[in-house]
Amino acid sequence: YIIQHELLKASNVDFAGVIVKHPLTNECWMRINSSTKPLSEIKKSADSAIKMTEEFKELFNSKLR
C-alpha cells in the first residue's frame, strides 16, 4: 500500500490499485493507469518509498540518542 500511495502522488498516474489475494500468500495484483510506462512508475515509486523510509530511520535514530 505504500507504493500505491507513492504512485497516486505522481501527476501522470490516473489510477493505482492493489489487491492482496490472501494474507498468507505473497501474491498481490496491481493495476495502474498512467500516461507513461506503468513499470517505470512502479520503479520510481518504490525508490521514493525506500528513500522516505531511510529518512524516517535516520530521524528516528537521531531522536533516540
N, C-alpha and C. Protein backbone atom coordinates (compact mmCIF):
# COMPACT_ATOMS: atom_id res chain seq x y z
N TYR A 1 0.80 -1.20 0.00
CA TYR A 1 0.00 0.00 0.00
C TYR A 1 0.85 1.27 0.00
N ILE A 2 2.09 1.15 0.44
CA ILE A 2 2.98 2.31 0.44
C ILE A 2 3.31 2.70 -1.00
N ILE A 3 3.58 1.72 -1.83
CA ILE A 3 3.89 2.01 -3.24
C ILE A 3 2.65 2.58 -3.93
N GLN A 4 1.47 2.09 -3.59
CA GLN A 4 0.24 2.63 -4.15
C GLN A 4 0.11 4.11 -3.79
N HIS A 5 0.40 4.45 -2.55
CA HIS A 5 0.34 5.85 -2.12
C HIS A 5 1.33 6.71 -2.90
N GLU A 6 2.53 6.20 -3.09
CA GLU A 6 3.54 6.93 -3.86
C GLU A 6 3.12 7.08 -5.32
N LEU A 7 2.51 6.04 -5.88
CA LEU A 7 2.03 6.12 -7.26
C LEU A 7 0.97 7.20 -7.40
N LEU A 8 0.05 7.28 -6.45
CA LEU A 8 -1.04 8.24 -6.53
C LEU A 8 -0.55 9.68 -6.37
N LYS A 9 0.64 9.87 -5.79
CA LYS A 9 1.20 11.22 -5.68
C LYS A 9 1.75 11.70 -7.02
N ALA A 10 2.03 10.79 -7.94
CA ALA A 10 2.58 11.17 -9.25
C ALA A 10 1.48 11.81 -10.10
N SER A 11 1.83 12.87 -10.80
CA SER A 11 0.83 13.60 -11.58
C SER A 11 0.38 12.86 -12.83
N ASN A 12 1.21 11.98 -13.37
CA ASN A 12 0.85 11.29 -14.60
C ASN A 12 0.18 9.94 -14.35
N VAL A 13 -0.11 9.60 -13.09
CA VAL A 13 -0.81 8.36 -12.76
C VAL A 13 -2.27 8.70 -12.48
N ASP A 14 -3.16 8.10 -13.27
CA ASP A 14 -4.59 8.35 -13.10
C ASP A 14 -5.21 7.43 -12.05
N PHE A 15 -4.76 6.18 -12.00
CA PHE A 15 -5.33 5.20 -11.08
C PHE A 15 -4.24 4.23 -10.65
N ALA A 16 -4.25 3.87 -9.38
CA ALA A 16 -3.35 2.84 -8.86
C ALA A 16 -4.11 2.05 -7.81
N GLY A 17 -4.25 0.76 -8.05
CA GLY A 17 -4.96 -0.09 -7.12
C GLY A 17 -4.16 -1.34 -6.80
N VAL A 18 -4.32 -1.81 -5.57
CA VAL A 18 -3.61 -3.01 -5.12
C VAL A 18 -4.62 -3.95 -4.48
N ILE A 19 -4.54 -5.23 -4.84
CA ILE A 19 -5.37 -6.26 -4.24
C ILE A 19 -4.44 -7.33 -3.69
N VAL A 20 -4.51 -7.57 -2.38
CA VAL A 20 -3.77 -8.67 -1.77
C VAL A 20 -4.69 -9.88 -1.84
N LYS A 21 -4.25 -10.90 -2.58
CA LYS A 21 -5.11 -12.06 -2.82
C LYS A 21 -5.45 -12.79 -1.53
N HIS A 22 -4.46 -13.03 -0.68
CA HIS A 22 -4.69 -13.67 0.61
C HIS A 22 -3.53 -13.32 1.52
N PRO A 23 -3.80 -13.03 2.80
CA PRO A 23 -2.71 -12.61 3.69
C PRO A 23 -1.61 -13.66 3.89
N LEU A 24 -1.92 -14.93 3.69
CA LEU A 24 -0.92 -15.98 3.91
C LEU A 24 -0.07 -16.26 2.68
N THR A 25 -0.40 -15.65 1.55
CA THR A 25 0.39 -15.83 0.34
C THR A 25 1.10 -14.52 0.01
N ASN A 26 2.10 -14.60 -0.82
CA ASN A 26 2.83 -13.40 -1.24
C ASN A 26 2.30 -12.84 -2.55
N GLU A 27 1.09 -13.17 -2.90
CA GLU A 27 0.54 -12.76 -4.19
C GLU A 27 -0.30 -11.49 -4.03
N CYS A 28 0.02 -10.50 -4.85
CA CYS A 28 -0.81 -9.30 -4.91
C CYS A 28 -0.90 -8.86 -6.35
N TRP A 29 -1.99 -8.18 -6.66
CA TRP A 29 -2.21 -7.67 -8.01
C TRP A 29 -2.20 -6.15 -7.95
N MET A 30 -1.62 -5.55 -8.98
CA MET A 30 -1.61 -4.09 -9.08
C MET A 30 -2.18 -3.69 -10.43
N ARG A 31 -2.96 -2.63 -10.41
CA ARG A 31 -3.46 -2.06 -11.66
C ARG A 31 -3.11 -0.58 -11.66
N ILE A 32 -2.49 -0.15 -12.76
CA ILE A 32 -2.04 1.23 -12.87
C ILE A 32 -2.45 1.78 -14.22
N ASN A 33 -3.11 2.93 -14.22
CA ASN A 33 -3.39 3.67 -15.44
C ASN A 33 -2.52 4.91 -15.42
N SER A 34 -1.68 5.04 -16.44
CA SER A 34 -0.70 6.11 -16.45
C SER A 34 -0.45 6.56 -17.88
N SER A 35 -0.02 7.81 -18.02
CA SER A 35 0.31 8.32 -19.35
C SER A 35 1.71 7.87 -19.79
N THR A 36 2.49 7.34 -18.85
CA THR A 36 3.81 6.79 -19.18
C THR A 36 3.79 5.29 -18.92
N LYS A 37 4.96 4.65 -19.03
CA LYS A 37 5.02 3.21 -18.81
C LYS A 37 4.77 2.88 -17.34
N PRO A 38 3.80 2.01 -17.04
CA PRO A 38 3.49 1.68 -15.65
C PRO A 38 4.66 1.08 -14.88
N LEU A 39 5.47 0.26 -15.53
CA LEU A 39 6.59 -0.37 -14.83
C LEU A 39 7.61 0.67 -14.37
N SER A 40 7.85 1.68 -15.19
CA SER A 40 8.78 2.74 -14.77
C SER A 40 8.20 3.55 -13.62
N GLU A 41 6.89 3.72 -13.60
CA GLU A 41 6.24 4.42 -12.49
C GLU A 41 6.36 3.62 -11.19
N ILE A 42 6.24 2.30 -11.29
CA ILE A 42 6.39 1.45 -10.11
C ILE A 42 7.82 1.56 -9.57
N LYS A 43 8.80 1.54 -10.47
CA LYS A 43 10.20 1.66 -10.04
C LYS A 43 10.45 2.99 -9.35
N LYS A 44 9.93 4.09 -9.92
CA LYS A 44 10.12 5.41 -9.31
C LYS A 44 9.45 5.47 -7.94
N SER A 45 8.25 4.91 -7.85
CA SER A 45 7.52 4.94 -6.58
C SER A 45 8.20 4.09 -5.53
N ALA A 46 8.73 2.94 -5.92
CA ALA A 46 9.45 2.09 -4.97
C ALA A 46 10.71 2.80 -4.48
N ASP A 47 11.44 3.44 -5.38
CA ASP A 47 12.64 4.19 -4.98
C ASP A 47 12.28 5.33 -4.02
N SER A 48 11.17 6.00 -4.29
CA SER A 48 10.72 7.09 -3.43
C SER A 48 10.34 6.56 -2.04
N ALA A 49 9.67 5.42 -2.00
CA ALA A 49 9.29 4.82 -0.72
C ALA A 49 10.52 4.40 0.08
N ILE A 50 11.51 3.84 -0.60
CA ILE A 50 12.75 3.44 0.08
C ILE A 50 13.46 4.66 0.65
N LYS A 51 13.53 5.73 -0.14
CA LYS A 51 14.18 6.95 0.32
C LYS A 51 13.44 7.52 1.54
N MET A 52 12.12 7.50 1.50
CA MET A 52 11.33 8.03 2.61
C MET A 52 11.57 7.22 3.89
N THR A 53 11.64 5.89 3.77
CA THR A 53 11.87 5.07 4.96
C THR A 53 13.28 5.25 5.51
N GLU A 54 14.25 5.47 4.62
CA GLU A 54 15.62 5.73 5.09
C GLU A 54 15.69 7.05 5.85
N GLU A 55 14.99 8.07 5.35
CA GLU A 55 14.95 9.35 6.04
C GLU A 55 14.27 9.22 7.40
N PHE A 56 13.19 8.45 7.44
CA PHE A 56 12.48 8.22 8.71
C PHE A 56 13.38 7.48 9.70
N LYS A 57 14.13 6.50 9.21
CA LYS A 57 15.03 5.74 10.08
C LYS A 57 16.10 6.65 10.67
N GLU A 58 16.67 7.52 9.85
CA GLU A 58 17.69 8.45 10.33
C GLU A 58 17.11 9.40 11.37
N LEU A 59 15.92 9.92 11.11
CA LEU A 59 15.27 10.82 12.06
C LEU A 59 14.97 10.11 13.37
N PHE A 60 14.47 8.91 13.28
CA PHE A 60 14.14 8.12 14.47
C PHE A 60 15.38 7.84 15.31
N ASN A 61 16.46 7.42 14.64
CA ASN A 61 17.70 7.12 15.35
C ASN A 61 18.32 8.37 15.97
N SER A 62 18.18 9.51 15.31
CA SER A 62 18.73 10.75 15.87
C SER A 62 17.97 11.18 17.11
N LYS A 63 16.70 10.89 17.18
CA LYS A 63 15.90 11.26 18.36
C LYS A 63 16.16 10.32 19.53
N LEU A 64 16.65 9.11 19.26
CA LEU A 64 16.94 8.17 20.33
C LEU A 64 18.23 8.49 21.06
N ARG A 65 19.13 9.19 20.42
CA ARG A 65 20.44 9.49 21.01
C ARG A 65 20.37 10.57 22.04
